[in-house]
Amino acid sequence: MEAKIDVLGMTCMHCHERVTKAISSLKGVESVDVSLEENNATVSFDTEKVTLDEIRQAVTGAGYEVVKV
């Protein structure tokens, strides 16, 4: 499955790397493409191994706000 997640609070490449690392560390995530310009992350993942809620929790745990899933 692929989902686009809007993320608030990203302002620099450090933010980009932090969000990428938080999401990609989850088992079942196949790819992550974070866009600072669009303030979002496009995530490809296996729904049998990870849920959208777990991805959202990883982003908020990294210090950012998910505004739409």
C-alpha atoms as a PDB file:
ATOM      1  CA  MET A   1       0.000   0.000   0.000  1.00  0.00           C
ATOM      2  CA  GLU A   2       1.102   3.568  -0.575  1.00  0.00           C
ATOM      3  CA  ALA A   3      -0.005   6.543   1.523  1.00  0.00           C
ATOM      4  CA  LYS A   4       0.815  10.245   1.506  1.00  0.00           C
ATOM      5  CA  ILE A   5       1.084  11.749   4.987  1.00  0.00           C
ATOM      6  CA  ASP A   6       1.067  15.513   5.554  1.00  0.00           C
ATOM      7  CA  VAL A   7       3.655  16.452   8.184  1.00  0.00           C
ATOM      8  CA  LEU A   8       3.890  19.797  10.011  1.00  0.00           C
ATOM      9  CA  GLY A   9       7.061  21.131  11.578  1.00  0.00           C
ATOM     10  CA  MET A  10       9.722  20.117   9.062  1.00  0.00           C
ATOM     11  CA  THR A  11      11.990  23.058   8.263  1.00  0.00           C
ATOM     12  CA  CYS A  12      15.409  21.691   7.264  1.00  0.00           C
ATOM     13  CA  MET A  13      17.349  18.656   6.070  1.00  0.00           C
ATOM     14  CA  HIS A  14      17.767  17.507   9.672  1.00  0.00           C
ATOM     15  CA  CYS A  15      13.967  17.335   9.907  1.00  0.00           C
ATOM     16  CA  HIS A  16      13.858  15.470   6.588  1.00  0.00           C
ATOM     17  CA  GLU A  17      16.369  12.908   7.830  1.00  0.00           C
ATOM     18  CA  ARG A  18      14.647  12.519  11.200  1.00  0.00           C
ATOM     19  CA  VAL A  19      11.228  11.833   9.653  1.00  0.00           C
ATOM     20  CA  THR A  20      12.750   9.481   7.061  1.00  0.00           C
ATOM     21  CA  LYS A  21      14.596   7.542   9.767  1.00  0.00           C
ATOM     22  CA  ALA A  22      11.537   7.343  12.045  1.00  0.00           C
ATOM     23  CA  ILE A  23       9.342   5.910   9.307  1.00  0.00           C
ATOM     24  CA  SER A  24      11.907   3.645   7.653  1.00  0.00           C
ATOM     25  CA  SER A  25      12.798   2.056  10.999  1.00  0.00           C
ATOM     26  CA  LEU A  26       9.382   0.388  11.123  1.00  0.00           C
ATOM     27  CA  LYS A  27       9.218  -3.230   9.976  1.00  0.00           C
ATOM     28  CA  GLY A  28       7.051  -3.472   6.892  1.00  0.00           C
ATOM     29  CA  VAL A  29       7.966  -0.082   5.447  1.00  0.00           C
ATOM     30  CA  GLU A  30       9.273  -0.625   1.934  1.00  0.00           C
ATOM     31  CA  SER A  31      10.116   2.963   0.930  1.00  0.00           C
ATOM     32  CA  VAL A  32       9.834   6.533   2.192  1.00  0.00           C
ATOM     33  CA  ASP A  33      10.016   9.745   0.186  1.00  0.00           C
ATOM     34  CA  VAL A  34       9.929  12.857   2.391  1.00  0.00           C
ATOM     35  CA  SER A  35       9.365  16.262   0.764  1.00  0.00           C
ATOM     36  CA  LEU A  36      10.294  19.405   2.693  1.00  0.00           C
ATOM     37  CA  GLU A  37       8.767  21.572  -0.042  1.00  0.00           C
ATOM     38  CA  GLU A  38       5.386  19.836   0.135  1.00  0.00           C
ATOM     39  CA  ASN A  39       5.540  19.032   3.876  1.00  0.00           C
ATOM     40  CA  ASN A  40       4.659  15.398   3.367  1.00  0.00           C
ATOM     41  CA  ALA A  41       5.942  11.855   3.244  1.00  0.00           C
ATOM     42  CA  THR A  42       4.948   9.223   0.712  1.00  0.00           C
ATOM     43  CA  VAL A  43       5.246   5.806   2.288  1.00  0.00           C
ATOM     44  CA  SER A  44       5.033   2.391   0.636  1.00  0.00           C
ATOM     45  CA  PHE A  45       4.387  -0.360   3.177  1.00  0.00           C
ATOM     46  CA  ASP A  46       3.093  -3.865   3.820  1.00  0.00           C
ATOM     47  CA  THR A  47      -0.255  -3.582   5.629  1.00  0.00           C
ATOM     48  CA  GLU A  48       0.240  -6.985   7.214  1.00  0.00           C
ATOM     49  CA  LYS A  49       3.384  -5.807   9.007  1.00  0.00           C
ATOM     50  CA  VAL A  50       2.715  -2.129   9.824  1.00  0.00           C
ATOM     51  CA  THR A  51      -0.343   0.122  10.052  1.00  0.00           C
ATOM     52  CA  LEU A  52      -0.907   3.758   9.125  1.00  0.00           C
ATOM     53  CA  ASP A  53      -1.425   4.477  12.816  1.00  0.00           C
ATOM     54  CA  GLU A  54       2.016   3.049  13.636  1.00  0.00           C
ATOM     55  CA  ILE A  55       3.546   5.225  10.916  1.00  0.00           C
ATOM     56  CA  ARG A  56       1.728   8.267  12.323  1.00  0.00           C
ATOM     57  CA  GLN A  57       2.989   7.435  15.808  1.00  0.00           C
ATOM     58  CA  ALA A  58       6.567   7.183  14.501  1.00  0.00           C
ATOM     59  CA  VAL A  59       6.300  10.678  12.990  1.00  0.00           C
ATOM     60  CA  THR A  60       4.784  12.204  16.120  1.00  0.00           C
ATOM     61  CA  GLY A  61       7.349  10.381  18.240  1.00  0.00           C
ATOM     62  CA  ALA A  62      10.055  12.079  16.197  1.00  0.00           C
ATOM     63  CA  GLY A  63       8.568  15.456  17.163  1.00  0.00           C
ATOM     64  CA  TYR A  64       6.393  16.307  14.165  1.00  0.00           C
ATOM     65  CA  GLU A  65       2.655  16.597  13.666  1.00  0.00           C
ATOM     66  CA  VAL A  66       0.677  14.496  11.195  1.00  0.00           C
ATOM     67  CA  VAL A  67      -2.178  16.589   9.855  1.00  0.00           C
ATOM     68  CA  LYS A  68      -3.698  14.133   7.374  1.00  0.00           C
ATOM     69  CA  VAL A  69      -3.352  10.440   6.656  1.00  0.00           C
END
